[in-house]
């Protein structure tokens, strides 16, 4: 009476494990690069949020007759030429968790936590000049 042999041979197991190892070696670098792309997307997203919040503050300022300050979400925001001043622009945002804020330079800078080179991965906001609009720049040249 012959018993049916069930299962895999050692050679079949080794071949399957080898194929899985090769696939993992090619797939892993593609997934590892997602961290940089995610950081770039958050920088672009924050830049869009700052644009929207700045436009909202500008609209509020126009409705109120262009005062020196406006109040948004309980925060007093100093206005410069009808737009949020660079030292107060962060007050227009509900949240910017995951970013480091620097208001000490010529522009307010938001840098994502974990960026290796801050100057190459950030959002910069510069107050509006006379008759102009603020400058909002998203820098994503190296968000690794």
C-alpha atoms as a PDB file:
ATOM      1  CA  UNK A   1       0.000   0.000   0.000  1.00  0.00           C
ATOM      2  CA  UNK A   2       1.528   3.273  -1.136  1.00  0.00           C
ATOM      3  CA  UNK A   3       1.073   6.347   0.999  1.00  0.00           C
ATOM      4  CA  UNK A   4       0.773   9.606  -0.928  1.00  0.00           C
ATOM      5  CA  UNK A   5       3.680  11.859  -0.097  1.00  0.00           C
ATOM      6  CA  UNK A   6       2.585  15.337   0.927  1.00  0.00           C
ATOM      7  CA  UNK A   7       4.650  18.510   1.265  1.00  0.00           C
ATOM      8  CA  UNK A   8       7.550  20.152  -0.500  1.00  0.00           C
ATOM      9  CA  UNK A   9      11.007  18.839  -1.170  1.00  0.00           C
ATOM     10  CA  UNK A  10      14.011  20.632   0.249  1.00  0.00           C
ATOM     11  CA  UNK A  11      14.985  21.864  -3.229  1.00  0.00           C
ATOM     12  CA  UNK A  12      11.536  23.403  -3.805  1.00  0.00           C
ATOM     13  CA  UNK A  13      11.725  25.226  -0.467  1.00  0.00           C
ATOM     14  CA  UNK A  14      15.197  26.586  -1.224  1.00  0.00           C
ATOM     15  CA  UNK A  15      14.061  27.833  -4.659  1.00  0.00           C
ATOM     16  CA  UNK A  16      11.006  29.589  -3.206  1.00  0.00           C
ATOM     17  CA  UNK A  17      13.052  31.225  -0.425  1.00  0.00           C
ATOM     18  CA  UNK A  18      15.654  32.372  -2.959  1.00  0.00           C
ATOM     19  CA  UNK A  19      12.992  33.905  -5.215  1.00  0.00           C
ATOM     20  CA  UNK A  20      11.409  35.707  -2.237  1.00  0.00           C
ATOM     21  CA  UNK A  21      14.840  37.034  -1.221  1.00  0.00           C
ATOM     22  CA  UNK A  22      15.487  38.406  -4.710  1.00  0.00           C
ATOM     23  CA  UNK A  23      12.059  40.063  -4.825  1.00  0.00           C
ATOM     24  CA  UNK A  24      12.620  41.614  -1.401  1.00  0.00           C
ATOM     25  CA  UNK A  25      16.020  42.972  -2.466  1.00  0.00           C
ATOM     26  CA  UNK A  26      14.417  44.832  -5.373  1.00  0.00           C
ATOM     27  CA  UNK A  27      11.265  45.951  -3.560  1.00  0.00           C
ATOM     28  CA  UNK A  28      12.808  47.234  -0.317  1.00  0.00           C
ATOM     29  CA  UNK A  29      14.683  50.241  -1.796  1.00  0.00           C
ATOM     30  CA  UNK A  30      11.487  51.436  -3.448  1.00  0.00           C
ATOM     31  CA  UNK A  31       9.675  51.466  -0.103  1.00  0.00           C
ATOM     32  CA  UNK A  32      12.634  53.004   1.740  1.00  0.00           C
ATOM     33  CA  UNK A  33      12.527  56.040  -0.565  1.00  0.00           C
ATOM     34  CA  UNK A  34       8.952  56.800   0.480  1.00  0.00           C
ATOM     35  CA  UNK A  35      10.134  58.664   3.591  1.00  0.00           C
ATOM     36  CA  UNK A  36      11.711  61.393   1.450  1.00  0.00           C
ATOM     37  CA  UNK A  37       8.637  61.650  -0.759  1.00  0.00           C
ATOM     38  CA  UNK A  38       6.382  61.860   2.300  1.00  0.00           C
ATOM     39  CA  UNK A  39       8.482  64.686   3.764  1.00  0.00           C
ATOM     40  CA  UNK A  40       8.322  66.564   0.427  1.00  0.00           C
ATOM     41  CA  UNK A  41       4.541  66.130   0.370  1.00  0.00           C
ATOM     42  CA  UNK A  42       4.195  67.515   3.910  1.00  0.00           C
ATOM     43  CA  UNK A  43       6.289  70.561   2.961  1.00  0.00           C
ATOM     44  CA  UNK A  44       4.099  71.166  -0.100  1.00  0.00           C
ATOM     45  CA  UNK A  45       0.980  70.646   2.015  1.00  0.00           C
ATOM     46  CA  UNK A  46       2.099  73.156   4.634  1.00  0.00           C
ATOM     47  CA  UNK A  47       2.905  75.695   1.906  1.00  0.00           C
ATOM     48  CA  UNK A  48      -0.657  75.307   0.619  1.00  0.00           C
ATOM     49  CA  UNK A  49      -2.050  75.714   4.129  1.00  0.00           C
ATOM     50  CA  UNK A  50      -0.035  78.899   4.632  1.00  0.00           C
ATOM     51  CA  UNK A  51      -1.288  80.286   1.298  1.00  0.00           C
ATOM     52  CA  UNK A  52      -4.890  79.555   2.277  1.00  0.00           C
ATOM     53  CA  UNK A  53      -4.515  80.982   5.799  1.00  0.00           C
ATOM     54  CA  UNK A  54      -2.805  84.100   4.453  1.00  0.00           C
ATOM     55  CA  UNK A  55      -5.603  84.635   1.918  1.00  0.00           C
ATOM     56  CA  UNK A  56      -8.208  84.123   4.640  1.00  0.00           C
ATOM     57  CA  UNK A  57      -6.506  86.670   6.904  1.00  0.00           C
ATOM     58  CA  UNK A  58      -6.290  89.088   3.963  1.00  0.00           C
ATOM     59  CA  UNK A  59     -10.024  88.660   3.296  1.00  0.00           C
ATOM     60  CA  UNK A  60     -10.800  89.244   6.963  1.00  0.00           C
ATOM     61  CA  UNK A  61      -8.644  92.365   6.917  1.00  0.00           C
ATOM     62  CA  UNK A  62     -10.465  93.743   3.876  1.00  0.00           C
ATOM     63  CA  UNK A  63     -13.878  93.078   5.420  1.00  0.00           C
ATOM     64  CA  UNK A  64     -12.831  94.853   8.624  1.00  0.00           C
ATOM     65  CA  UNK A  65     -11.496  97.928   6.808  1.00  0.00           C
ATOM     66  CA  UNK A  66      -7.782  97.005   6.780  1.00  0.00           C
ATOM     67  CA  UNK A  67      -6.945  97.282  10.492  1.00  0.00           C
ATOM     68  CA  UNK A  68      -3.398  96.856  11.816  1.00  0.00           C
ATOM     69  CA  UNK A  69      -4.383  93.570  13.476  1.00  0.00           C
ATOM     70  CA  UNK A  70      -7.074  90.939  12.982  1.00  0.00           C
ATOM     71  CA  UNK A  71      -8.202  88.128  15.248  1.00  0.00           C
ATOM     72  CA  UNK A  72      -8.388  84.574  13.928  1.00  0.00           C
ATOM     73  CA  UNK A  73      -9.236  81.604  16.148  1.00  0.00           C
ATOM     74  CA  UNK A  74      -8.597  83.773  19.185  1.00  0.00           C
ATOM     75  CA  UNK A  75      -5.112  84.772  17.991  1.00  0.00           C
ATOM     76  CA  UNK A  76      -4.221  88.394  17.258  1.00  0.00           C
ATOM     77  CA  UNK A  77      -2.359  88.640  13.973  1.00  0.00           C
ATOM     78  CA  UNK A  78      -0.367  91.710  12.984  1.00  0.00           C
ATOM     79  CA  UNK A  79      -1.000  92.639   9.367  1.00  0.00           C
ATOM     80  CA  UNK A  80       1.604  94.047   6.969  1.00  0.00           C
ATOM     81  CA  UNK A  81       0.228  95.555   3.764  1.00  0.00           C
ATOM     82  CA  UNK A  82      -3.029  93.637   4.235  1.00  0.00           C
ATOM     83  CA  UNK A  83      -1.454  90.222   4.838  1.00  0.00           C
ATOM     84  CA  UNK A  84      -0.155  88.470   7.982  1.00  0.00           C
ATOM     85  CA  UNK A  85       3.242  89.694   9.134  1.00  0.00           C
ATOM     86  CA  UNK A  86       5.934  87.039   8.860  1.00  0.00           C
ATOM     87  CA  UNK A  87       6.371  86.963  12.635  1.00  0.00           C
ATOM     88  CA  UNK A  88       2.655  86.157  13.123  1.00  0.00           C
ATOM     89  CA  UNK A  89       1.873  83.922  10.130  1.00  0.00           C
ATOM     90  CA  UNK A  90       2.155  80.789  12.283  1.00  0.00           C
ATOM     91  CA  UNK A  91      -0.756  82.130  14.371  1.00  0.00           C
ATOM     92  CA  UNK A  92      -3.032  81.783  11.318  1.00  0.00           C
ATOM     93  CA  UNK A  93      -2.420  78.023  11.229  1.00  0.00           C
ATOM     94  CA  UNK A  94      -4.401  75.672  13.422  1.00  0.00           C
ATOM     95  CA  UNK A  95      -1.537  73.219  13.534  1.00  0.00           C
ATOM     96  CA  UNK A  96       1.941  72.716  12.137  1.00  0.00           C
ATOM     97  CA  UNK A  97       3.030  69.724  14.210  1.00  0.00           C
ATOM     98  CA  UNK A  98       6.108  68.030  12.810  1.00  0.00           C
ATOM     99  CA  UNK A  99       7.724  71.318  11.783  1.00  0.00           C
ATOM    100  CA  UNK A 100      10.234  73.531  13.551  1.00  0.00           C
ATOM    101  CA  UNK A 101       9.389  77.245  13.421  1.00  0.00           C
ATOM    102  CA  UNK A 102      12.100  79.907  13.021  1.00  0.00           C
ATOM    103  CA  UNK A 103      11.061  83.578  12.994  1.00  0.00           C
ATOM    104  CA  UNK A 104      14.549  85.002  13.541  1.00  0.00           C
ATOM    105  CA  UNK A 105      15.641  85.471   9.915  1.00  0.00           C
ATOM    106  CA  UNK A 106      14.542  87.546   6.946  1.00  0.00           C
ATOM    107  CA  UNK A 107      11.659  85.081   6.462  1.00  0.00           C
ATOM    108  CA  UNK A 108       9.658  82.823   8.746  1.00  0.00           C
ATOM    109  CA  UNK A 109      10.836  79.284   8.126  1.00  0.00           C
ATOM    110  CA  UNK A 110       9.047  75.987   8.788  1.00  0.00           C
ATOM    111  CA  UNK A 111      11.403  72.972   8.633  1.00  0.00           C
ATOM    112  CA  UNK A 112      10.110  69.405   8.932  1.00  0.00           C
ATOM    113  CA  UNK A 113      11.429  67.406  11.859  1.00  0.00           C
ATOM    114  CA  UNK A 114      14.029  64.924  10.666  1.00  0.00           C
ATOM    115  CA  UNK A 115      15.172  66.778   7.548  1.00  0.00           C
ATOM    116  CA  UNK A 116      18.920  66.278   7.211  1.00  0.00           C
ATOM    117  CA  UNK A 117      19.596  69.612   5.499  1.00  0.00           C
ATOM    118  CA  UNK A 118      17.104  72.192   6.743  1.00  0.00           C
ATOM    119  CA  UNK A 119      17.900  74.751   4.024  1.00  0.00           C
ATOM    120  CA  UNK A 120      16.943  72.206   1.342  1.00  0.00           C
ATOM    121  CA  UNK A 121      13.620  71.141   2.861  1.00  0.00           C
ATOM    122  CA  UNK A 122      11.453  73.947   4.227  1.00  0.00           C
ATOM    123  CA  UNK A 123       8.655  76.451   3.713  1.00  0.00           C
ATOM    124  CA  UNK A 124       9.553  80.141   3.802  1.00  0.00           C
ATOM    125  CA  UNK A 125       7.093  83.017   4.302  1.00  0.00           C
ATOM    126  CA  UNK A 126       8.101  86.625   3.696  1.00  0.00           C
ATOM    127  CA  UNK A 127       5.740  89.517   4.498  1.00  0.00           C
ATOM    128  CA  UNK A 128       3.987  91.324   1.665  1.00  0.00           C
ATOM    129  CA  UNK A 129       5.681  94.363   0.226  1.00  0.00           C
ATOM    130  CA  UNK A 130       3.769  97.565  -0.505  1.00  0.00           C
ATOM    131  CA  UNK A 131       0.931  96.737  -2.875  1.00  0.00           C
ATOM    132  CA  UNK A 132       2.069  93.136  -3.236  1.00  0.00           C
ATOM    133  CA  UNK A 133       1.433  89.732  -1.801  1.00  0.00           C
ATOM    134  CA  UNK A 134       3.551  87.677   0.586  1.00  0.00           C
ATOM    135  CA  UNK A 135       6.163  85.315  -0.796  1.00  0.00           C
ATOM    136  CA  UNK A 136       5.554  81.691   0.126  1.00  0.00           C
ATOM    137  CA  UNK A 137       8.223  79.286  -1.082  1.00  0.00           C
ATOM    138  CA  UNK A 138       8.354  75.515  -0.649  1.00  0.00           C
ATOM    139  CA  UNK A 139      11.923  74.195  -0.943  1.00  0.00           C
ATOM    140  CA  UNK A 140      12.109  70.418  -1.518  1.00  0.00           C
ATOM    141  CA  UNK A 141      15.478  69.929  -3.202  1.00  0.00           C
ATOM    142  CA  UNK A 142      16.699  67.495  -0.518  1.00  0.00           C
ATOM    143  CA  UNK A 143      14.143  66.242   1.995  1.00  0.00           C
ATOM    144  CA  UNK A 144      16.014  63.043   2.832  1.00  0.00           C
END
